[in-house]
């Protein structure tokens, strides 16, 4: 069933595609360019691993963040399109992302 709720229109130029919103187009995992960095600024000296560069929908980014936090066994959050993982997990996060299919990860 279509997401479009248009039932009837008197406009002869109306098409069903006019009403559909553009959703974020997700790239395949292998073509994503994810970057990982370690940050201590404004964190009271505590380290945080930041993963950025994801291109896709917010829900897919949330799922990736949850999967990473679960596999690493740590806390974290998602802010402004970046995954924030508490602690210094550069190497482990990179390994996990490569295992998940994100080959272009640095």
N, C-alpha and C. Protein backbone atom coordinates (compact mmCIF):
# COMPACT_ATOMS: atom_id res chain seq x y z
N UNK A 1 0.84 -1.17 0.00
CA UNK A 1 0.00 0.00 0.00
C UNK A 1 0.88 1.23 0.00
N UNK A 2 0.49 2.22 -0.74
CA UNK A 2 1.26 3.45 -0.88
C UNK A 2 1.16 4.31 0.37
N UNK A 3 2.22 5.09 0.65
CA UNK A 3 2.20 6.01 1.77
C UNK A 3 1.38 7.26 1.44
N UNK A 4 1.07 7.44 0.18
CA UNK A 4 0.34 8.60 -0.27
C UNK A 4 -1.13 8.50 0.14
N UNK A 5 -1.67 9.56 0.70
CA UNK A 5 -3.05 9.54 1.18
C UNK A 5 -4.00 10.28 0.25
N UNK A 6 -3.52 10.71 -0.92
CA UNK A 6 -4.35 11.41 -1.88
C UNK A 6 -5.38 10.44 -2.47
N UNK A 7 -6.63 10.81 -2.37
CA UNK A 7 -7.70 9.96 -2.88
C UNK A 7 -8.26 10.50 -4.18
N UNK A 8 -8.50 11.82 -4.22
CA UNK A 8 -9.10 12.41 -5.40
C UNK A 8 -8.61 13.83 -5.53
N UNK A 9 -8.33 14.25 -6.76
CA UNK A 9 -7.92 15.62 -7.02
C UNK A 9 -8.57 16.10 -8.30
N UNK A 10 -9.01 17.36 -8.30
CA UNK A 10 -9.59 17.95 -9.50
C UNK A 10 -8.52 18.56 -10.40
N UNK A 11 -7.31 18.60 -9.95
CA UNK A 11 -6.20 19.14 -10.74
C UNK A 11 -5.78 18.10 -11.77
N UNK A 12 -5.89 18.40 -13.07
CA UNK A 12 -5.53 17.41 -14.08
C UNK A 12 -4.03 17.14 -14.15
N UNK A 13 -3.22 18.06 -13.62
CA UNK A 13 -1.77 17.89 -13.65
C UNK A 13 -1.22 17.24 -12.38
N UNK A 14 -2.09 16.90 -11.47
CA UNK A 14 -1.68 16.29 -10.20
C UNK A 14 -1.17 14.87 -10.43
N UNK A 15 -0.06 14.55 -9.83
CA UNK A 15 0.42 13.18 -9.90
C UNK A 15 0.70 12.69 -8.48
N UNK A 16 0.70 11.40 -8.31
CA UNK A 16 0.92 10.82 -6.99
C UNK A 16 2.33 11.09 -6.49
N UNK A 17 3.28 11.25 -7.38
CA UNK A 17 4.66 11.46 -6.97
C UNK A 17 4.90 12.86 -6.40
N UNK A 18 4.00 13.81 -6.64
CA UNK A 18 4.15 15.16 -6.10
C UNK A 18 4.07 15.17 -4.59
N UNK A 19 3.33 14.27 -4.02
CA UNK A 19 3.08 14.26 -2.59
C UNK A 19 4.14 13.50 -1.79
N UNK A 20 4.91 12.67 -2.43
CA UNK A 20 5.87 11.84 -1.73
C UNK A 20 7.07 12.69 -1.32
N UNK A 21 7.44 12.59 -0.04
CA UNK A 21 8.58 13.34 0.47
C UNK A 21 9.87 12.64 0.08
N UNK A 22 10.92 13.43 -0.10
CA UNK A 22 12.23 12.85 -0.38
C UNK A 22 12.82 12.36 0.92
N UNK A 23 13.08 11.06 1.00
CA UNK A 23 13.69 10.48 2.17
C UNK A 23 15.19 10.47 1.97
N UNK A 24 15.93 10.37 3.06
CA UNK A 24 17.38 10.28 2.97
C UNK A 24 17.74 9.00 2.24
N UNK A 25 18.57 9.14 1.23
CA UNK A 25 18.99 7.98 0.47
C UNK A 25 20.20 7.39 1.15
N UNK A 26 20.11 6.14 1.52
CA UNK A 26 21.19 5.47 2.23
C UNK A 26 22.13 4.81 1.23
N UNK A 27 23.41 5.01 1.46
CA UNK A 27 24.41 4.34 0.65
C UNK A 27 24.67 2.96 1.24
N UNK A 28 25.22 2.09 0.43
CA UNK A 28 25.59 0.78 0.93
C UNK A 28 26.71 0.94 1.95
N UNK A 29 26.82 0.00 2.84
CA UNK A 29 27.84 0.06 3.89
C UNK A 29 29.24 0.14 3.30
N UNK A 30 29.48 -0.57 2.21
CA UNK A 30 30.82 -0.60 1.64
C UNK A 30 31.22 0.72 0.99
N UNK A 31 30.26 1.56 0.64
CA UNK A 31 30.58 2.83 -0.01
C UNK A 31 30.53 4.02 0.96
N UNK A 32 30.23 3.78 2.21
CA UNK A 32 30.23 4.84 3.22
C UNK A 32 31.66 5.22 3.58
N UNK A 33 31.90 6.51 3.83
CA UNK A 33 33.22 6.98 4.27
C UNK A 33 33.10 7.44 5.71
N UNK A 34 33.27 6.51 6.63
CA UNK A 34 33.19 6.83 8.05
C UNK A 34 34.56 7.19 8.58
N UNK A 35 34.61 8.19 9.46
CA UNK A 35 35.85 8.63 10.08
C UNK A 35 35.70 8.52 11.59
N UNK A 36 36.78 8.08 12.24
CA UNK A 36 36.77 7.90 13.68
C UNK A 36 37.85 8.80 14.27
N UNK A 37 37.51 9.51 15.35
CA UNK A 37 38.50 10.33 16.02
C UNK A 37 38.29 10.25 17.53
N UNK A 38 39.35 10.56 18.27
CA UNK A 38 39.31 10.56 19.71
C UNK A 38 39.25 12.01 20.18
N UNK A 39 38.37 12.28 21.12
CA UNK A 39 38.16 13.66 21.55
C UNK A 39 38.13 13.73 23.08
N UNK A 40 38.74 14.79 23.63
CA UNK A 40 38.68 15.02 25.08
C UNK A 40 38.21 16.43 25.40
N UNK A 41 38.00 17.25 24.39
CA UNK A 41 37.56 18.63 24.61
C UNK A 41 36.19 18.68 25.28
N UNK A 42 36.05 19.56 26.24
CA UNK A 42 34.79 19.83 26.93
C UNK A 42 34.16 18.57 27.52
N UNK A 43 35.01 17.64 27.95
CA UNK A 43 34.51 16.41 28.54
C UNK A 43 35.19 16.14 29.88
N UNK A 44 35.68 17.18 30.51
CA UNK A 44 36.34 17.09 31.82
C UNK A 44 37.50 16.10 31.78
N UNK A 45 38.25 16.08 30.68
CA UNK A 45 39.41 15.20 30.55
C UNK A 45 39.10 13.77 30.18
N UNK A 46 37.84 13.42 30.08
CA UNK A 46 37.45 12.05 29.72
C UNK A 46 37.47 11.89 28.21
N UNK A 47 37.83 10.71 27.75
CA UNK A 47 37.94 10.44 26.33
C UNK A 47 36.61 9.96 25.75
N UNK A 48 36.41 10.32 24.50
CA UNK A 48 35.22 9.87 23.78
C UNK A 48 35.63 9.56 22.34
N UNK A 49 35.14 8.47 21.81
CA UNK A 49 35.39 8.10 20.43
C UNK A 49 34.22 8.61 19.60
N UNK A 50 34.54 9.41 18.58
CA UNK A 50 33.52 10.03 17.72
C UNK A 50 33.58 9.38 16.34
N UNK A 51 32.43 8.94 15.85
CA UNK A 51 32.32 8.37 14.51
C UNK A 51 31.42 9.30 13.70
N UNK A 52 31.95 9.82 12.60
CA UNK A 52 31.16 10.75 11.79
C UNK A 52 31.31 10.43 10.31
N UNK A 53 30.47 11.03 9.50
CA UNK A 53 30.51 10.83 8.06
C UNK A 53 29.44 9.88 7.53
N UNK A 54 28.51 9.44 8.39
CA UNK A 54 27.47 8.52 7.94
C UNK A 54 26.47 9.25 7.06
N UNK A 55 26.13 8.65 5.94
CA UNK A 55 25.14 9.21 5.03
C UNK A 55 23.96 8.26 4.95
N UNK A 56 22.84 8.70 5.47
CA UNK A 56 21.66 7.85 5.47
C UNK A 56 20.62 8.40 6.41
N UNK A 57 19.60 7.62 6.66
CA UNK A 57 18.51 8.07 7.51
C UNK A 57 18.92 8.06 8.97
N UNK A 58 18.23 8.85 9.74
CA UNK A 58 18.50 8.96 11.18
C UNK A 58 18.23 7.63 11.89
N UNK A 59 17.20 6.92 11.47
CA UNK A 59 16.88 5.65 12.12
C UNK A 59 17.97 4.60 11.89
N UNK A 60 18.56 4.59 10.69
CA UNK A 60 19.65 3.65 10.41
C UNK A 60 20.90 4.02 11.20
N UNK A 61 21.14 5.32 11.38
CA UNK A 61 22.27 5.77 12.18
C UNK A 61 22.08 5.37 13.65
N UNK A 62 20.85 5.50 14.14
CA UNK A 62 20.55 5.08 15.52
C UNK A 62 20.77 3.58 15.69
N UNK A 63 20.39 2.80 14.70
CA UNK A 63 20.57 1.35 14.77
C UNK A 63 22.06 0.99 14.78
N UNK A 64 22.84 1.69 13.96
CA UNK A 64 24.29 1.46 13.93
C UNK A 64 24.91 1.83 15.27
N UNK A 65 24.50 2.95 15.85
CA UNK A 65 25.02 3.39 17.14
C UNK A 65 24.70 2.37 18.22
N UNK A 66 23.48 1.88 18.22
CA UNK A 66 23.08 0.90 19.22
C UNK A 66 23.88 -0.39 19.08
N UNK A 67 24.08 -0.83 17.83
CA UNK A 67 24.84 -2.04 17.59
C UNK A 67 26.28 -1.89 18.08
N UNK A 68 26.90 -0.74 17.79
CA UNK A 68 28.28 -0.50 18.23
C UNK A 68 28.38 -0.45 19.76
N UNK A 69 27.47 0.27 20.39
CA UNK A 69 27.51 0.38 21.85
C UNK A 69 27.29 -0.97 22.51
N UNK A 70 26.43 -1.79 21.95
CA UNK A 70 26.16 -3.11 22.51
C UNK A 70 27.37 -4.02 22.37
N UNK A 71 27.97 -4.03 21.18
CA UNK A 71 29.13 -4.90 20.94
C UNK A 71 30.33 -4.48 21.77
N UNK A 72 30.51 -3.17 21.96
CA UNK A 72 31.63 -2.68 22.75
C UNK A 72 31.36 -2.73 24.25
N UNK A 73 30.10 -2.80 24.63
CA UNK A 73 29.72 -2.85 26.04
C UNK A 73 29.93 -1.54 26.76
N UNK A 74 29.68 -0.44 26.07
CA UNK A 74 29.89 0.89 26.64
C UNK A 74 28.67 1.77 26.39
N UNK A 75 28.67 2.93 27.01
CA UNK A 75 27.61 3.90 26.80
C UNK A 75 27.98 4.86 25.69
N UNK A 76 27.04 5.67 25.34
CA UNK A 76 27.29 6.66 24.30
C UNK A 76 26.00 7.34 23.92
N UNK A 77 26.09 8.16 22.89
CA UNK A 77 24.91 8.89 22.43
C UNK A 77 25.04 9.20 20.95
N UNK A 78 24.05 9.89 20.44
CA UNK A 78 24.00 10.28 19.05
C UNK A 78 23.65 11.76 19.00
N UNK A 79 24.56 12.59 18.49
CA UNK A 79 24.32 14.02 18.42
C UNK A 79 24.77 14.56 17.07
N UNK A 80 23.92 15.31 16.43
CA UNK A 80 24.23 16.01 15.19
C UNK A 80 24.87 15.11 14.14
N UNK A 81 24.34 13.91 13.99
CA UNK A 81 24.82 12.98 12.98
C UNK A 81 26.12 12.28 13.33
N UNK A 82 26.57 12.39 14.58
CA UNK A 82 27.78 11.74 15.02
C UNK A 82 27.46 10.73 16.12
N UNK A 83 28.14 9.60 16.09
CA UNK A 83 28.00 8.61 17.15
C UNK A 83 29.10 8.89 18.17
N UNK A 84 28.71 9.09 19.41
CA UNK A 84 29.66 9.36 20.48
C UNK A 84 29.70 8.15 21.40
N UNK A 85 30.88 7.53 21.51
CA UNK A 85 31.06 6.36 22.36
C UNK A 85 31.99 6.76 23.50
N UNK A 86 31.58 6.46 24.72
CA UNK A 86 32.37 6.84 25.89
C UNK A 86 33.62 5.98 25.98
N UNK A 87 34.78 6.63 26.04
CA UNK A 87 36.05 5.92 26.20
C UNK A 87 36.86 5.88 24.93
N UNK A 88 38.07 5.35 25.05
CA UNK A 88 39.01 5.24 23.94
C UNK A 88 38.84 3.88 23.27
N UNK A 89 38.04 3.84 22.21
CA UNK A 89 37.74 2.60 21.49
C UNK A 89 38.02 2.76 20.00
N UNK A 90 39.07 3.49 19.64
CA UNK A 90 39.39 3.71 18.24
C UNK A 90 39.59 2.40 17.48
N UNK A 91 40.49 1.56 17.96
CA UNK A 91 40.83 0.33 17.26
C UNK A 91 39.65 -0.65 17.23
N UNK A 92 38.99 -0.82 18.36
CA UNK A 92 37.88 -1.77 18.43
C UNK A 92 36.70 -1.31 17.57
N UNK A 93 36.42 -0.01 17.59
CA UNK A 93 35.32 0.52 16.78
C UNK A 93 35.62 0.35 15.30
N UNK A 94 36.88 0.59 14.91
CA UNK A 94 37.26 0.42 13.51
C UNK A 94 37.09 -1.03 13.08
N UNK A 95 37.54 -1.97 13.92
CA UNK A 95 37.40 -3.39 13.60
C UNK A 95 35.93 -3.78 13.45
N UNK A 96 35.09 -3.31 14.36
CA UNK A 96 33.66 -3.63 14.30
C UNK A 96 33.02 -3.06 13.04
N UNK A 97 33.35 -1.82 12.69
CA UNK A 97 32.78 -1.21 11.49
C UNK A 97 33.20 -1.98 10.24
N UNK A 98 34.44 -2.42 10.19
CA UNK A 98 34.90 -3.20 9.04
C UNK A 98 34.17 -4.53 8.98
N UNK A 99 33.94 -5.16 10.13
CA UNK A 99 33.19 -6.42 10.17
C UNK A 99 31.75 -6.22 9.72
N UNK A 100 31.18 -5.03 10.00
CA UNK A 100 29.81 -4.74 9.60
C UNK A 100 29.69 -4.34 8.14
N UNK A 101 30.83 -4.25 7.43
CA UNK A 101 30.79 -3.96 6.00
C UNK A 101 31.21 -2.55 5.63
N UNK A 102 31.59 -1.73 6.59
CA UNK A 102 32.03 -0.36 6.31
C UNK A 102 33.53 -0.41 6.02
N UNK A 103 33.86 -0.73 4.76
CA UNK A 103 35.25 -0.97 4.38
C UNK A 103 36.08 0.32 4.35
N UNK A 104 35.50 1.43 4.02
CA UNK A 104 36.22 2.69 3.90
C UNK A 104 36.17 3.45 5.22
N UNK A 105 36.77 2.89 6.25
CA UNK A 105 36.75 3.46 7.59
C UNK A 105 38.17 3.81 8.00
N UNK A 106 38.36 5.03 8.47
CA UNK A 106 39.69 5.46 8.93
C UNK A 106 39.57 6.13 10.27
